[in-house]
Amino acid sequence: MKITASLIWTPNPETMCCLVLATTAEVWMKQQWKHIFEPFYTDQRDRKGTGLGLAMVYGVVKNHDGHIICHSKPGEGTTFMIHFRL
């Protein structure tokens, strides 16, 4: 599994920055998409995860007037774009 991160400044009237996190890890299935930001949701069959990671990120981003865009495609992995106002 490979993880990459980058920070992008977006020039617009309401200055924002975008943190892009990408991984080659396994992607989510279509039926899982509506649950990925729910607390305690996990797709890990071995139950190593608590399901709190993405829920916590979502809460922090929303509390700072930001938003998250997620893209996941088989063979390409998953990319999260987290936009924050500055």
N, C-alpha and C. Protein backbone atom coordinates (compact mmCIF):
# COMPACT_ATOMS: atom_id res chain seq x y z
N MET A 1 0.85 -1.17 0.00
CA MET A 1 0.00 0.00 0.00
C MET A 1 0.89 1.23 0.00
N LYS A 2 0.58 2.18 -0.84
CA LYS A 2 1.31 3.44 -0.95
C LYS A 2 0.38 4.59 -0.58
N ILE A 3 0.87 5.53 0.21
CA ILE A 3 0.09 6.70 0.60
C ILE A 3 0.87 7.94 0.19
N THR A 4 0.21 8.88 -0.46
CA THR A 4 0.84 10.15 -0.83
C THR A 4 0.00 11.30 -0.29
N ALA A 5 0.64 12.42 -0.04
CA ALA A 5 -0.07 13.61 0.46
C ALA A 5 0.49 14.84 -0.22
N SER A 6 -0.36 15.82 -0.48
CA SER A 6 0.07 17.09 -1.04
C SER A 6 -0.85 18.19 -0.53
N LEU A 7 -0.33 19.40 -0.52
CA LEU A 7 -1.08 20.57 -0.07
C LEU A 7 -1.19 21.53 -1.24
N ILE A 8 -2.41 21.94 -1.57
CA ILE A 8 -2.66 22.80 -2.72
C ILE A 8 -3.36 24.07 -2.25
N TRP A 9 -2.85 25.23 -2.68
CA TRP A 9 -3.51 26.51 -2.38
C TRP A 9 -4.42 26.85 -3.54
N THR A 10 -5.68 27.12 -3.29
CA THR A 10 -6.62 27.44 -4.36
C THR A 10 -6.91 28.94 -4.36
N PRO A 11 -6.57 29.63 -5.43
CA PRO A 11 -6.82 31.07 -5.49
C PRO A 11 -8.29 31.35 -5.81
N ASN A 12 -8.99 31.88 -4.85
CA ASN A 12 -10.38 32.30 -5.06
C ASN A 12 -10.70 33.38 -4.03
N PRO A 13 -11.84 34.05 -4.15
CA PRO A 13 -12.17 35.13 -3.21
C PRO A 13 -12.14 34.70 -1.75
N GLU A 14 -12.53 33.49 -1.47
CA GLU A 14 -12.48 32.97 -0.11
C GLU A 14 -11.32 31.98 -0.07
N THR A 15 -10.13 32.47 0.21
CA THR A 15 -8.93 31.66 0.12
C THR A 15 -9.09 30.34 0.86
N MET A 16 -8.76 29.27 0.15
CA MET A 16 -8.85 27.93 0.71
C MET A 16 -7.57 27.18 0.42
N CYS A 17 -7.32 26.15 1.19
CA CYS A 17 -6.26 25.22 0.87
C CYS A 17 -6.88 23.83 0.78
N CYS A 18 -6.23 22.98 0.05
CA CYS A 18 -6.75 21.63 -0.16
C CYS A 18 -5.65 20.63 0.19
N LEU A 19 -5.94 19.77 1.12
CA LEU A 19 -5.04 18.69 1.48
C LEU A 19 -5.51 17.46 0.73
N VAL A 20 -4.63 16.89 -0.09
CA VAL A 20 -4.98 15.72 -0.90
C VAL A 20 -4.24 14.51 -0.35
N LEU A 21 -4.99 13.49 0.03
CA LEU A 21 -4.42 12.24 0.52
C LEU A 21 -4.86 11.12 -0.42
N ALA A 22 -3.91 10.37 -0.94
CA ALA A 22 -4.22 9.29 -1.87
C ALA A 22 -3.56 8.00 -1.41
N THR A 23 -4.25 6.89 -1.61
CA THR A 23 -3.73 5.60 -1.24
C THR A 23 -4.05 4.57 -2.31
N THR A 24 -3.23 3.57 -2.41
CA THR A 24 -3.49 2.48 -3.35
C THR A 24 -4.22 1.33 -2.66
N ALA A 25 -4.67 1.57 -1.45
CA ALA A 25 -5.36 0.54 -0.67
C ALA A 25 -6.67 0.13 -1.35
N GLU A 26 -7.22 -0.95 -0.88
CA GLU A 26 -8.48 -1.47 -1.41
C GLU A 26 -9.56 -0.40 -1.38
N VAL A 27 -10.39 -0.38 -2.41
CA VAL A 27 -11.45 0.62 -2.51
C VAL A 27 -12.73 0.12 -1.86
N TRP A 28 -13.65 1.05 -1.59
CA TRP A 28 -14.94 0.70 -1.01
C TRP A 28 -15.91 0.27 -2.09
N MET A 29 -16.81 -0.59 -1.72
CA MET A 29 -17.86 -1.01 -2.63
C MET A 29 -18.97 0.05 -2.63
N LYS A 30 -19.78 0.05 -3.67
CA LYS A 30 -20.82 1.07 -3.84
C LYS A 30 -21.75 1.17 -2.62
N GLN A 31 -22.14 0.05 -2.05
CA GLN A 31 -23.07 0.07 -0.92
C GLN A 31 -22.43 0.62 0.36
N GLN A 32 -21.11 0.72 0.41
CA GLN A 32 -20.43 1.23 1.59
C GLN A 32 -20.31 2.75 1.60
N TRP A 33 -20.43 3.39 0.44
CA TRP A 33 -20.20 4.82 0.34
C TRP A 33 -21.05 5.66 1.29
N LYS A 34 -22.30 5.31 1.46
CA LYS A 34 -23.17 6.14 2.30
C LYS A 34 -22.83 6.03 3.78
N HIS A 35 -21.95 5.12 4.15
CA HIS A 35 -21.62 4.90 5.56
C HIS A 35 -20.20 5.32 5.96
N ILE A 36 -19.34 5.70 5.03
CA ILE A 36 -17.92 5.83 5.37
C ILE A 36 -17.62 6.90 6.44
N PHE A 37 -18.46 7.91 6.59
CA PHE A 37 -18.22 8.94 7.61
C PHE A 37 -19.04 8.72 8.88
N GLU A 38 -19.76 7.61 8.97
CA GLU A 38 -20.55 7.31 10.17
C GLU A 38 -19.65 6.77 11.28
N PRO A 39 -19.86 7.24 12.53
CA PRO A 39 -19.09 6.70 13.65
C PRO A 39 -19.29 5.20 13.79
N PHE A 40 -18.22 4.52 14.07
CA PHE A 40 -18.18 3.08 14.33
C PHE A 40 -18.44 2.22 13.10
N TYR A 41 -18.49 2.83 11.90
CA TYR A 41 -18.61 2.01 10.69
C TYR A 41 -17.22 1.53 10.29
N THR A 42 -17.08 0.25 10.06
CA THR A 42 -15.83 -0.31 9.58
C THR A 42 -16.12 -1.44 8.61
N ASP A 43 -15.26 -1.59 7.62
CA ASP A 43 -15.40 -2.69 6.68
C ASP A 43 -14.33 -3.76 6.94
N GLN A 44 -13.61 -3.60 8.03
CA GLN A 44 -12.54 -4.53 8.35
C GLN A 44 -13.11 -5.77 9.02
N ARG A 45 -13.02 -6.87 8.33
CA ARG A 45 -13.60 -8.12 8.83
C ARG A 45 -12.89 -8.62 10.08
N ASP A 46 -11.61 -8.30 10.22
CA ASP A 46 -10.86 -8.78 11.39
C ASP A 46 -11.07 -7.88 12.61
N ARG A 47 -11.86 -6.79 12.45
CA ARG A 47 -12.25 -5.87 13.52
C ARG A 47 -11.06 -5.18 14.18
N LYS A 48 -10.01 -4.91 13.42
CA LYS A 48 -8.88 -4.17 13.97
C LYS A 48 -9.20 -2.68 14.07
N GLY A 49 -10.10 -2.20 13.22
CA GLY A 49 -10.44 -0.78 13.25
C GLY A 49 -11.65 -0.52 14.13
N THR A 50 -11.73 0.71 14.62
CA THR A 50 -12.87 1.09 15.47
C THR A 50 -13.97 1.77 14.66
N GLY A 51 -13.63 2.25 13.46
CA GLY A 51 -14.61 2.96 12.65
C GLY A 51 -14.76 4.42 13.06
N LEU A 52 -13.81 4.95 13.81
CA LEU A 52 -13.89 6.34 14.25
C LEU A 52 -13.02 7.30 13.44
N GLY A 53 -12.07 6.78 12.69
CA GLY A 53 -11.11 7.63 11.98
C GLY A 53 -11.75 8.64 11.04
N LEU A 54 -12.51 8.17 10.06
CA LEU A 54 -13.12 9.09 9.10
C LEU A 54 -14.22 9.94 9.73
N ALA A 55 -14.91 9.40 10.72
CA ALA A 55 -15.93 10.19 11.42
C ALA A 55 -15.28 11.37 12.15
N MET A 56 -14.13 11.15 12.75
CA MET A 56 -13.43 12.23 13.45
C MET A 56 -12.91 13.27 12.46
N VAL A 57 -12.33 12.82 11.35
CA VAL A 57 -11.85 13.75 10.32
C VAL A 57 -13.01 14.59 9.80
N TYR A 58 -14.13 13.96 9.51
CA TYR A 58 -15.31 14.67 9.01
C TYR A 58 -15.76 15.74 10.01
N GLY A 59 -15.80 15.41 11.29
CA GLY A 59 -16.20 16.37 12.31
C GLY A 59 -15.28 17.56 12.40
N VAL A 60 -13.98 17.32 12.37
CA VAL A 60 -12.99 18.41 12.44
C VAL A 60 -13.11 19.31 11.21
N VAL A 61 -13.21 18.71 10.04
CA VAL A 61 -13.31 19.49 8.81
C VAL A 61 -14.58 20.34 8.81
N LYS A 62 -15.72 19.77 9.17
CA LYS A 62 -16.98 20.53 9.21
C LYS A 62 -16.94 21.64 10.25
N ASN A 63 -16.31 21.39 11.41
CA ASN A 63 -16.21 22.42 12.45
C ASN A 63 -15.33 23.59 12.02
N HIS A 64 -14.51 23.39 11.01
CA HIS A 64 -13.64 24.45 10.49
C HIS A 64 -14.14 24.96 9.14
N ASP A 65 -15.43 24.80 8.89
CA ASP A 65 -16.08 25.32 7.68
C ASP A 65 -15.46 24.77 6.40
N GLY A 66 -15.07 23.51 6.42
CA GLY A 66 -14.48 22.89 5.24
C GLY A 66 -15.36 21.79 4.70
N HIS A 67 -14.84 21.09 3.70
CA HIS A 67 -15.57 19.96 3.14
C HIS A 67 -14.60 18.91 2.62
N ILE A 68 -15.11 17.70 2.44
CA ILE A 68 -14.30 16.57 1.99
C ILE A 68 -14.91 16.01 0.71
N ILE A 69 -14.04 15.74 -0.26
CA ILE A 69 -14.44 15.05 -1.47
C ILE A 69 -13.65 13.75 -1.51
N CYS A 70 -14.32 12.66 -1.77
CA CYS A 70 -13.68 11.35 -1.79
C CYS A 70 -13.95 10.68 -3.14
N HIS A 71 -12.89 10.11 -3.72
CA HIS A 71 -13.01 9.39 -4.98
C HIS A 71 -12.32 8.05 -4.82
N SER A 72 -12.99 6.98 -5.22
CA SER A 72 -12.44 5.64 -5.09
C SER A 72 -12.79 4.83 -6.32
N LYS A 73 -11.77 4.18 -6.90
CA LYS A 73 -12.00 3.41 -8.12
C LYS A 73 -11.10 2.18 -8.11
N PRO A 74 -11.67 1.01 -8.43
CA PRO A 74 -10.86 -0.21 -8.46
C PRO A 74 -9.65 -0.05 -9.38
N GLY A 75 -8.51 -0.49 -8.91
CA GLY A 75 -7.28 -0.38 -9.68
C GLY A 75 -6.55 0.94 -9.52
N GLU A 76 -7.23 1.95 -8.97
CA GLU A 76 -6.64 3.27 -8.78
C GLU A 76 -6.50 3.64 -7.31
N GLY A 77 -7.27 3.02 -6.43
CA GLY A 77 -7.21 3.34 -5.01
C GLY A 77 -8.21 4.41 -4.64
N THR A 78 -7.93 5.11 -3.54
CA THR A 78 -8.85 6.11 -2.99
C THR A 78 -8.13 7.43 -2.77
N THR A 79 -8.80 8.52 -3.10
CA THR A 79 -8.26 9.87 -2.90
C THR A 79 -9.25 10.69 -2.10
N PHE A 80 -8.75 11.35 -1.05
CA PHE A 80 -9.54 12.28 -0.26
C PHE A 80 -9.00 13.69 -0.50
N MET A 81 -9.88 14.63 -0.83
CA MET A 81 -9.52 16.04 -0.96
C MET A 81 -10.23 16.79 0.15
N ILE A 82 -9.45 17.36 1.05
CA ILE A 82 -10.00 18.06 2.21
C ILE A 82 -9.76 19.55 2.03
N HIS A 83 -10.84 20.32 1.91
CA HIS A 83 -10.77 21.76 1.66
C HIS A 83 -11.03 22.53 2.95
N PHE A 84 -10.12 23.46 3.28
CA PHE A 84 -10.25 24.32 4.46
C PHE A 84 -10.22 25.78 4.06
N ARG A 85 -11.05 26.60 4.71
CA ARG A 85 -10.95 28.05 4.56
C ARG A 85 -9.79 28.56 5.40
N LEU A 86 -9.11 29.56 4.90
CA LEU A 86 -7.99 30.15 5.64
C LEU A 86 -8.36 31.47 6.24
